[in-house]
Amino acid sequence: MSFKHITSRDNPVFKYYKKLSENARERRAEGKTLLDGVHLIEAYMAAFGEPEVLIIPEGKSSVEATSLIQSLEHIATVMLPTLMFAEITPVATSTGVLALVNIPKFVSPETPSFALMLEDIQDPGNLGSMLRTAAAAGVEVVYLSEACTDAWSPKALRGGQGAQFVLPIVERADLLKVMQHFQGASYATTMQGESLYRQDFTTPTAFVIGNEGSGLRPKTIQAATKSIRIPMQTNSVESLNAATATAICLFERTRQLETK
């Protein structure tokens, strides 16, 4: 095992890790990202094998992190001062281990029967939650518009809790073209559409979810097969959180298939 103890922010290795943690363009160019925490690292290992490098802080890590580090003692390891380690983690309280890994590459299904299309989602935690829900609901592929936040940022990965390792994700997608070629019905979620609960989702289905604040663009709504809304029992709530709306839509299809 190679071991490096880096104490300077001017060290090129630390600068590299910091760029990966903060910059989507850097992640795309390098094809790499950072995973924070034991659960994510173990989920990655179960699907793709061992990480390239472990990054640990000075001092004590959690019991779980220590056990993982010991089991991977043959992997190259970099130790950082606590404050420097904190600069590249996505959470205030880390378990005490990061891993440098290759971003997985999936082959997307040519004719999916269940898809999720996300337009301009900005919050990485929201995106991670949506991807986690999509994986749980059996979505076959997720398309992200060009203006969506990066699915492979540390915060999105933390929110996804391993969803990115099992779910094909197409980033920087042209959603209008994707809807045009989708061999099924695409449903744009809006505030004025038909009720979600009056639709038949037992055939090939794609849900189209928009930006947290402004929703879907008009041209995206027009390109969809139909506009739908989630009925709410009060007028005092303007709209649902995008991640919550996604969960309701996806699992309504799951419910319909279960009761078909």
Protein backbone atom coordinates (compact mmCIF):
# COMPACT_ATOMS: atom_id res chain seq x y z
CA MET A 1 0.00 0.00 0.00
CA SER A 2 1.20 3.53 -0.77
CA PHE A 3 0.55 6.11 1.92
CA LYS A 4 0.74 9.90 1.67
CA HIS A 5 0.30 12.41 4.48
CA ILE A 6 -0.56 15.76 2.88
CA THR A 7 -0.58 18.85 5.06
CA SER A 8 -0.45 21.72 2.54
CA ARG A 9 -3.35 23.14 0.55
CA ASP A 10 -0.84 23.88 -2.20
CA ASN A 11 -0.19 20.18 -2.72
CA PRO A 12 -1.37 19.25 -6.25
CA VAL A 13 -3.05 16.07 -5.02
CA PHE A 14 -5.20 18.01 -2.56
CA LYS A 15 -6.00 20.61 -5.22
CA TYR A 16 -7.10 17.79 -7.52
CA TYR A 17 -9.44 16.32 -4.90
CA LYS A 18 -10.87 19.75 -4.14
CA LYS A 19 -11.61 20.34 -7.83
CA LEU A 20 -13.35 16.98 -8.06
CA SER A 21 -15.48 17.81 -5.03
CA GLU A 22 -16.55 21.22 -6.36
CA ASN A 23 -16.46 21.17 -10.15
CA ALA A 24 -18.74 19.14 -12.43
CA ARG A 25 -16.61 19.94 -15.47
CA GLU A 26 -13.56 18.49 -13.72
CA ARG A 27 -15.48 15.33 -12.82
CA ARG A 28 -16.66 14.90 -16.41
CA ALA A 29 -13.17 15.52 -17.80
CA GLU A 30 -11.50 13.08 -15.42
CA GLY A 31 -14.32 10.53 -15.27
CA LYS A 32 -13.86 10.37 -11.51
CA THR A 33 -15.63 11.49 -8.35
CA LEU A 34 -15.40 11.27 -4.56
CA LEU A 35 -17.61 9.08 -2.39
CA ASP A 36 -18.22 10.03 1.23
CA GLY A 37 -18.99 7.45 3.87
CA VAL A 38 -18.91 3.73 4.42
CA HIS A 39 -22.34 2.98 2.95
CA LEU A 40 -21.62 4.63 -0.40
CA ILE A 41 -18.19 3.09 -0.71
CA GLU A 42 -19.51 -0.38 0.07
CA ALA A 43 -22.37 0.09 -2.42
CA TYR A 44 -19.87 1.07 -5.08
CA MET A 45 -17.64 -1.90 -4.28
CA ALA A 46 -20.57 -4.31 -4.52
CA ALA A 47 -21.25 -3.11 -8.06
CA PHE A 48 -17.88 -2.12 -9.49
CA GLY A 49 -15.04 -3.28 -7.27
CA GLU A 50 -12.49 -1.49 -5.12
CA PRO A 51 -11.89 2.27 -5.13
CA GLU A 52 -8.74 3.81 -6.54
CA VAL A 53 -7.72 5.74 -3.42
CA LEU A 54 -8.96 6.10 0.16
CA ILE A 55 -8.79 9.55 1.77
CA ILE A 56 -8.86 9.75 5.56
CA PRO A 57 -8.56 12.53 8.14
CA GLU A 58 -6.01 12.80 10.89
CA GLY A 59 -7.29 11.47 14.19
CA LYS A 60 -10.05 8.94 14.73
CA SER A 61 -12.66 7.79 12.22
CA SER A 62 -15.91 6.05 13.10
CA VAL A 63 -15.83 2.36 14.01
CA GLU A 64 -17.42 1.50 10.65
CA ALA A 65 -14.94 3.63 8.71
CA THR A 66 -11.99 2.16 10.61
CA SER A 67 -13.17 -1.35 9.81
CA LEU A 68 -13.52 -0.50 6.11
CA ILE A 69 -10.10 1.15 6.01
CA GLN A 70 -8.50 -1.90 7.61
CA SER A 71 -10.19 -4.23 5.11
CA LEU A 72 -8.76 -2.13 2.27
CA GLU A 73 -5.29 -1.64 3.70
CA HIS A 74 -3.78 -2.63 0.35
CA ILE A 75 -5.43 0.38 -1.33
CA ALA A 76 -3.45 3.61 -1.77
CA THR A 77 -4.34 5.97 1.09
CA VAL A 78 -4.03 9.72 1.57
CA MET A 79 -4.28 11.33 5.01
CA LEU A 80 -5.33 14.97 5.39
CA PRO A 81 -5.57 17.35 8.35
CA THR A 82 -9.12 17.50 9.69
CA LEU A 83 -9.87 20.96 8.28
CA MET A 84 -8.55 20.06 4.83
CA PHE A 85 -10.53 16.82 4.87
CA ALA A 86 -13.66 18.82 5.73
CA GLU A 87 -13.16 20.99 2.64
CA ILE A 88 -13.76 18.05 0.31
CA THR A 89 -16.59 16.30 2.14
CA PRO A 90 -20.26 17.07 1.33
CA VAL A 91 -21.48 16.80 4.92
CA ALA A 92 -20.76 18.62 8.17
CA THR A 93 -20.07 15.39 10.04
CA SER A 94 -18.31 12.74 7.97
CA THR A 95 -17.80 9.15 9.03
CA GLY A 96 -14.12 9.72 8.33
CA VAL A 97 -13.44 8.14 4.96
CA LEU A 98 -13.64 9.24 1.33
CA ALA A 99 -12.89 7.23 -1.78
CA LEU A 100 -11.72 8.27 -5.23
CA VAL A 101 -13.56 6.18 -7.84
CA ASN A 102 -14.26 6.03 -11.55
CA ILE A 103 -17.70 7.28 -12.55
CA PRO A 104 -19.64 4.21 -13.71
CA LYS A 105 -20.74 3.92 -17.33
CA PHE A 106 -24.07 2.29 -18.15
CA VAL A 107 -25.68 1.27 -21.41
CA SER A 108 -29.12 2.86 -21.47
CA PRO A 109 -32.06 0.73 -22.64
CA GLU A 110 -33.12 1.58 -26.19
CA THR A 111 -36.85 1.19 -25.52
CA PRO A 112 -37.47 1.70 -21.80
CA SER A 113 -40.97 1.16 -20.47
CA PHE A 114 -40.46 3.35 -17.40
CA ALA A 115 -38.43 6.56 -17.52
CA LEU A 116 -37.92 9.71 -15.48
CA MET A 117 -37.02 12.99 -17.18
CA LEU A 118 -35.74 15.83 -15.00
CA GLU A 119 -35.48 19.40 -16.25
CA ASP A 120 -33.15 21.93 -14.62
CA ILE A 121 -33.10 20.43 -11.11
CA GLN A 122 -30.68 22.63 -9.17
CA ASP A 123 -30.34 21.17 -5.69
CA PRO A 124 -27.97 18.17 -5.59
CA GLY A 125 -29.70 16.78 -2.50
CA ASN A 126 -33.04 16.92 -4.30
CA LEU A 127 -31.55 15.19 -7.33
CA GLY A 128 -30.01 12.47 -5.19
CA SER A 129 -33.35 11.87 -3.47
CA MET A 130 -35.12 11.66 -6.84
CA LEU A 131 -32.61 9.14 -8.14
CA ARG A 132 -32.95 7.05 -4.99
CA THR A 133 -36.74 7.04 -5.38
CA ALA A 134 -36.45 6.22 -9.07
CA ALA A 135 -34.27 3.20 -8.36
CA ALA A 136 -36.67 1.98 -5.67
CA ALA A 137 -39.68 2.39 -7.97
CA GLY A 138 -38.13 0.41 -10.80
CA VAL A 139 -37.36 3.25 -13.22
CA GLU A 140 -35.23 1.92 -16.07
CA VAL A 141 -33.45 5.13 -17.06
CA VAL A 142 -33.27 8.76 -15.91
CA TYR A 143 -32.66 11.63 -18.33
CA LEU A 144 -31.23 14.89 -17.00
CA SER A 145 -31.46 18.12 -18.98
CA GLU A 146 -28.29 20.06 -19.70
CA ALA A 147 -29.01 22.58 -16.93
CA CYS A 148 -29.54 19.91 -14.25
CA THR A 149 -27.09 19.73 -11.39
CA ASP A 150 -24.44 17.02 -11.68
CA ALA A 151 -25.58 13.54 -10.66
CA TRP A 152 -22.02 12.65 -9.60
CA SER A 153 -21.33 15.49 -7.19
CA PRO A 154 -20.57 14.36 -3.62
CA LYS A 155 -23.84 15.89 -2.37
CA ALA A 156 -25.96 14.23 -5.06
CA LEU A 157 -24.23 10.91 -4.39
CA ARG A 158 -24.89 11.32 -0.68
CA GLY A 159 -28.58 11.95 -1.40
CA GLY A 160 -28.78 9.02 -3.81
CA GLN A 161 -27.36 6.54 -1.27
CA GLY A 162 -26.13 4.21 -4.01
CA ALA A 163 -28.87 4.82 -6.61
CA GLN A 164 -26.30 6.09 -9.10
CA PHE A 165 -24.62 2.68 -9.02
CA VAL A 166 -27.68 0.73 -10.19
CA LEU A 167 -29.61 3.22 -12.33
CA PRO A 168 -28.69 4.26 -15.88
CA ILE A 169 -28.46 8.07 -15.96
CA VAL A 170 -28.24 10.07 -19.18
CA GLU A 171 -26.89 13.54 -18.44
CA ARG A 172 -27.15 16.65 -20.60
CA ALA A 173 -30.06 15.13 -22.50
CA ASP A 174 -32.28 16.98 -24.95
CA LEU A 175 -35.60 16.19 -23.27
CA LEU A 176 -37.66 17.31 -26.28
CA LYS A 177 -35.91 14.75 -28.48
CA VAL A 178 -36.10 12.11 -25.77
CA MET A 179 -39.86 12.58 -25.47
CA GLN A 180 -40.22 12.53 -29.24
CA HIS A 181 -38.56 9.12 -29.46
CA PHE A 182 -40.01 7.62 -26.29
CA GLN A 183 -42.24 4.67 -27.22
CA GLY A 184 -44.96 5.42 -24.72
CA ALA A 185 -46.74 8.33 -23.04
CA SER A 186 -44.85 11.19 -21.40
CA TYR A 187 -46.55 13.05 -18.55
CA ALA A 188 -45.51 16.61 -17.70
CA THR A 189 -46.19 17.50 -14.07
CA THR A 190 -47.88 20.90 -13.78
CA MET A 191 -50.32 22.78 -11.55
CA GLN A 192 -53.18 22.78 -14.09
CA GLY A 193 -53.14 19.35 -15.74
CA GLU A 194 -55.44 16.37 -15.33
CA SER A 195 -55.40 14.45 -12.06
CA LEU A 196 -52.54 12.02 -11.62
CA TYR A 197 -54.99 9.49 -10.24
CA ARG A 198 -57.15 9.43 -13.36
CA GLN A 199 -54.38 8.22 -15.67
CA ASP A 200 -53.44 4.75 -16.86
CA PHE A 201 -49.74 4.21 -16.21
CA THR A 202 -49.70 0.46 -16.90
CA THR A 203 -48.30 1.04 -20.39
CA PRO A 204 -44.82 2.49 -21.13
CA THR A 205 -44.63 5.68 -19.08
CA ALA A 206 -42.28 8.63 -18.63
CA PHE A 207 -42.74 11.31 -15.98
CA VAL A 208 -41.29 14.75 -16.67
CA ILE A 209 -40.46 16.83 -13.58
CA GLY A 210 -39.34 20.46 -13.63
CA ASN A 211 -37.19 22.92 -11.72
CA GLU A 212 -37.82 23.33 -8.00
CA GLY A 213 -38.96 26.95 -8.35
CA SER A 214 -40.20 27.52 -11.89
CA GLY A 215 -41.35 24.05 -12.86
CA LEU A 216 -41.24 22.88 -16.47
CA ARG A 217 -40.56 25.14 -19.40
CA PRO A 218 -43.64 25.79 -21.62
CA LYS A 219 -42.07 24.08 -24.63
CA THR A 220 -41.36 20.99 -22.54
CA ILE A 221 -44.98 20.85 -21.37
CA GLN A 222 -46.17 21.19 -24.96
CA ALA A 223 -43.92 18.35 -26.11
CA ALA A 224 -45.31 15.91 -23.54
CA THR A 225 -48.19 13.58 -24.30
CA LYS A 226 -50.25 15.02 -21.45
CA SER A 227 -50.03 17.45 -18.53
CA ILE A 228 -50.92 16.09 -15.10
CA ARG A 229 -51.18 17.46 -11.59
CA ILE A 230 -51.12 15.97 -8.11
CA PRO A 231 -54.45 16.89 -6.44
CA MET A 232 -54.02 18.72 -3.13
CA GLN A 233 -56.66 19.11 -0.44
CA THR A 234 -55.81 22.71 0.43
CA ASN A 235 -55.13 25.92 -1.45
CA SER A 236 -52.75 27.15 1.23
CA VAL A 237 -49.90 25.06 -0.21
CA GLU A 238 -48.69 26.36 -3.55
CA SER A 239 -46.88 23.22 -4.66
CA LEU A 240 -45.04 20.13 -3.47
CA ASN A 241 -41.28 19.72 -3.22
CA ALA A 242 -39.96 18.37 -6.52
CA ALA A 243 -38.55 15.25 -4.88
CA THR A 244 -41.86 14.58 -3.11
CA ALA A 245 -43.83 15.05 -6.33
CA THR A 246 -41.48 12.64 -8.08
CA ALA A 247 -42.03 9.98 -5.43
CA ILE A 248 -45.82 10.30 -5.64
CA CYS A 249 -45.83 10.00 -9.43
CA LEU A 250 -43.41 7.09 -9.65
CA PHE A 251 -45.09 5.01 -6.98
CA GLU A 252 -48.55 5.65 -8.42
CA ARG A 253 -47.36 3.71 -11.46
CA THR A 254 -45.95 1.02 -9.17
CA ARG A 255 -49.31 0.81 -7.38
CA GLN A 256 -51.20 0.48 -10.66
CA LEU A 257 -48.95 -2.31 -11.86
CA GLU A 258 -49.34 -4.13 -8.53
CA THR A 259 -53.14 -3.99 -8.73
CA LYS A 260 -53.49 -4.62 -12.45
